[in-house]
Amino acid sequence: MEIQRFQRLIEEIYYEKDAARGLAGTHMWFCEEVGELTRALRRGQRDELEGEFADVLAWLSTLASIAGIDLEQAARKKYAEGCPRCNATPCTCG
């Protein structure tokens, strides 16, 4: 699935509720999901990782939507030429 399509899907499912909660409240939920991903990584819970990565991506997508940011466009703009500092792939920054 392309990033833009995923962001639109998350908007269809959650945007109304997340926008009503606001950027700050939704950011708190995002942070909680990052914590759950961190816990799964630390504990080596491989069976949990896929779902936790998906949850973090979904919450990141909804934050971007609330802020009016198209994630695919933002990623393309910043990383299409490689590393934003040295423009190399792989990065050659020191």
C-alpha atoms as a PDB file:
ATOM      1  CA  MET A   1       0.000   0.000   0.000  1.00  0.00           C
ATOM      2  CA  GLU A   2       1.286   3.451  -0.865  1.00  0.00           C
ATOM      3  CA  ILE A   3       1.797   5.948   1.942  1.00  0.00           C
ATOM      4  CA  GLN A   4      -0.854   8.335   0.630  1.00  0.00           C
ATOM      5  CA  ARG A   5      -3.448   5.562   0.315  1.00  0.00           C
ATOM      6  CA  PHE A   6      -2.691   4.394   3.855  1.00  0.00           C
ATOM      7  CA  GLN A   7      -3.060   7.940   5.197  1.00  0.00           C
ATOM      8  CA  ARG A   8      -6.427   8.298   3.441  1.00  0.00           C
ATOM      9  CA  LEU A   9      -7.585   4.927   4.812  1.00  0.00           C
ATOM     10  CA  ILE A  10      -6.702   5.979   8.357  1.00  0.00           C
ATOM     11  CA  GLU A  11      -8.576   9.247   7.753  1.00  0.00           C
ATOM     12  CA  GLU A  12     -11.656   7.292   6.647  1.00  0.00           C
ATOM     13  CA  ILE A  13     -11.519   5.131   9.761  1.00  0.00           C
ATOM     14  CA  TYR A  14     -10.470   7.593  12.483  1.00  0.00           C
ATOM     15  CA  TYR A  15     -10.233  11.219  11.298  1.00  0.00           C
ATOM     16  CA  GLU A  16     -13.481  12.515  12.773  1.00  0.00           C
ATOM     17  CA  LYS A  17     -12.729  11.136  16.237  1.00  0.00           C
ATOM     18  CA  ASP A  18      -9.033  12.074  16.155  1.00  0.00           C
ATOM     19  CA  ALA A  19      -9.652  15.609  14.851  1.00  0.00           C
ATOM     20  CA  ALA A  20     -12.228  16.164  17.607  1.00  0.00           C
ATOM     21  CA  ARG A  21      -9.616  15.061  20.162  1.00  0.00           C
ATOM     22  CA  GLY A  22      -7.188  17.583  18.676  1.00  0.00           C
ATOM     23  CA  LEU A  23      -3.522  17.526  17.824  1.00  0.00           C
ATOM     24  CA  ALA A  24      -2.267  17.559  21.420  1.00  0.00           C
ATOM     25  CA  GLY A  25      -4.570  14.770  22.605  1.00  0.00           C
ATOM     26  CA  THR A  26      -3.875  12.649  19.547  1.00  0.00           C
ATOM     27  CA  HIS A  27      -0.142  13.199  20.005  1.00  0.00           C
ATOM     28  CA  MET A  28      -0.438  11.714  23.502  1.00  0.00           C
ATOM     29  CA  TRP A  29      -1.999   8.555  22.028  1.00  0.00           C
ATOM     30  CA  PHE A  30       0.810   8.442  19.424  1.00  0.00           C
ATOM     31  CA  CYS A  31       3.413   8.632  22.204  1.00  0.00           C
ATOM     32  CA  GLU A  32       1.692   5.799  24.051  1.00  0.00           C
ATOM     33  CA  GLU A  33       1.892   3.636  20.919  1.00  0.00           C
ATOM     34  CA  VAL A  34       5.584   4.462  20.504  1.00  0.00           C
ATOM     35  CA  GLY A  35       6.033   3.305  24.100  1.00  0.00           C
ATOM     36  CA  GLU A  36       4.303   0.012  23.307  1.00  0.00           C
ATOM     37  CA  LEU A  37       6.596  -0.459  20.299  1.00  0.00           C
ATOM     38  CA  THR A  38       9.618   0.311  22.483  1.00  0.00           C
ATOM     39  CA  ARG A  39       8.503  -2.247  25.044  1.00  0.00           C
ATOM     40  CA  ALA A  40       8.043  -4.930  22.371  1.00  0.00           C
ATOM     41  CA  LEU A  41      11.492  -4.163  20.936  1.00  0.00           C
ATOM     42  CA  ARG A  42      13.175  -4.297  24.350  1.00  0.00           C
ATOM     43  CA  ARG A  43      11.500  -7.554  25.281  1.00  0.00           C
ATOM     44  CA  GLY A  44      12.234  -9.135  21.910  1.00  0.00           C
ATOM     45  CA  GLN A  45       8.520  -9.786  21.384  1.00  0.00           C
ATOM     46  CA  ARG A  46       8.769 -10.501  17.679  1.00  0.00           C
ATOM     47  CA  ASP A  47       5.128 -11.614  17.482  1.00  0.00           C
ATOM     48  CA  GLU A  48       4.027  -8.179  18.785  1.00  0.00           C
ATOM     49  CA  LEU A  49       6.260  -6.024  16.576  1.00  0.00           C
ATOM     50  CA  GLU A  50       4.240  -6.105  13.365  1.00  0.00           C
ATOM     51  CA  GLY A  51       1.115  -4.814  15.074  1.00  0.00           C
ATOM     52  CA  GLU A  52       2.995  -2.188  17.082  1.00  0.00           C
ATOM     53  CA  PHE A  53       4.763  -0.847  13.977  1.00  0.00           C
ATOM     54  CA  ALA A  54       1.394  -0.662  12.205  1.00  0.00           C
ATOM     55  CA  ASP A  55      -0.162   1.170  15.165  1.00  0.00           C
ATOM     56  CA  VAL A  56       2.651   3.741  15.257  1.00  0.00           C
ATOM     57  CA  LEU A  57       2.294   4.303  11.516  1.00  0.00           C
ATOM     58  CA  ALA A  58      -1.473   4.745  11.859  1.00  0.00           C
ATOM     59  CA  TRP A  59      -1.152   7.280  14.678  1.00  0.00           C
ATOM     60  CA  LEU A  60       1.602   9.147  12.790  1.00  0.00           C
ATOM     61  CA  SER A  61      -0.678   9.258   9.760  1.00  0.00           C
ATOM     62  CA  THR A  62      -3.596  10.670  11.726  1.00  0.00           C
ATOM     63  CA  LEU A  63      -1.352  13.307  13.325  1.00  0.00           C
ATOM     64  CA  ALA A  64      -0.169  14.362   9.875  1.00  0.00           C
ATOM     65  CA  SER A  65      -3.751  14.535   8.625  1.00  0.00           C
ATOM     66  CA  ILE A  66      -4.860  16.702  11.537  1.00  0.00           C
ATOM     67  CA  ALA A  67      -1.879  18.989  10.865  1.00  0.00           C
ATOM     68  CA  GLY A  68      -2.714  19.128   7.133  1.00  0.00           C
ATOM     69  CA  ILE A  69       0.427  17.276   6.028  1.00  0.00           C
ATOM     70  CA  ASP A  70       0.517  14.737   3.192  1.00  0.00           C
ATOM     71  CA  LEU A  71       3.058  12.203   4.489  1.00  0.00           C
ATOM     72  CA  GLU A  72       3.968  10.831   1.072  1.00  0.00           C
ATOM     73  CA  GLN A  73       4.649  14.308  -0.298  1.00  0.00           C
ATOM     74  CA  ALA A  74       6.632  15.284   2.817  1.00  0.00           C
ATOM     75  CA  ALA A  75       8.771  12.129   2.631  1.00  0.00           C
ATOM     76  CA  ARG A  76       9.391  12.592  -1.079  1.00  0.00           C
ATOM     77  CA  LYS A  77      10.337  16.252  -0.607  1.00  0.00           C
ATOM     78  CA  LYS A  78      12.805  15.520   2.189  1.00  0.00           C
ATOM     79  CA  TYR A  79      14.329  12.155   1.182  1.00  0.00           C
ATOM     80  CA  ALA A  80      13.979  11.740  -2.610  1.00  0.00           C
ATOM     81  CA  GLU A  81      17.580  12.856  -3.176  1.00  0.00           C
ATOM     82  CA  GLY A  82      18.993  10.678  -0.398  1.00  0.00           C
ATOM     83  CA  CYS A  83      20.265  11.986   2.928  1.00  0.00           C
ATOM     84  CA  PRO A  84      18.926  15.530   3.440  1.00  0.00           C
ATOM     85  CA  ARG A  85      22.386  16.723   4.593  1.00  0.00           C
ATOM     86  CA  CYS A  86      24.783  15.088   2.126  1.00  0.00           C
ATOM     87  CA  ASN A  87      22.330  14.000  -0.628  1.00  0.00           C
ATOM     88  CA  ALA A  88      24.031  10.599  -0.747  1.00  0.00           C
ATOM     89  CA  THR A  89      22.568   7.110  -0.656  1.00  0.00           C
ATOM     90  CA  PRO A  90      23.773   5.569   1.543  1.00  0.00           C
ATOM     91  CA  CYS A  91      24.469   8.552   3.769  1.00  0.00           C
ATOM     92  CA  THR A  92      28.112   9.614   3.926  1.00  0.00           C
ATOM     93  CA  CYS A  93      27.745  12.170   6.732  1.00  0.00           C
ATOM     94  CA  GLY A  94      30.353  11.832   9.418  1.00  0.00           C
END
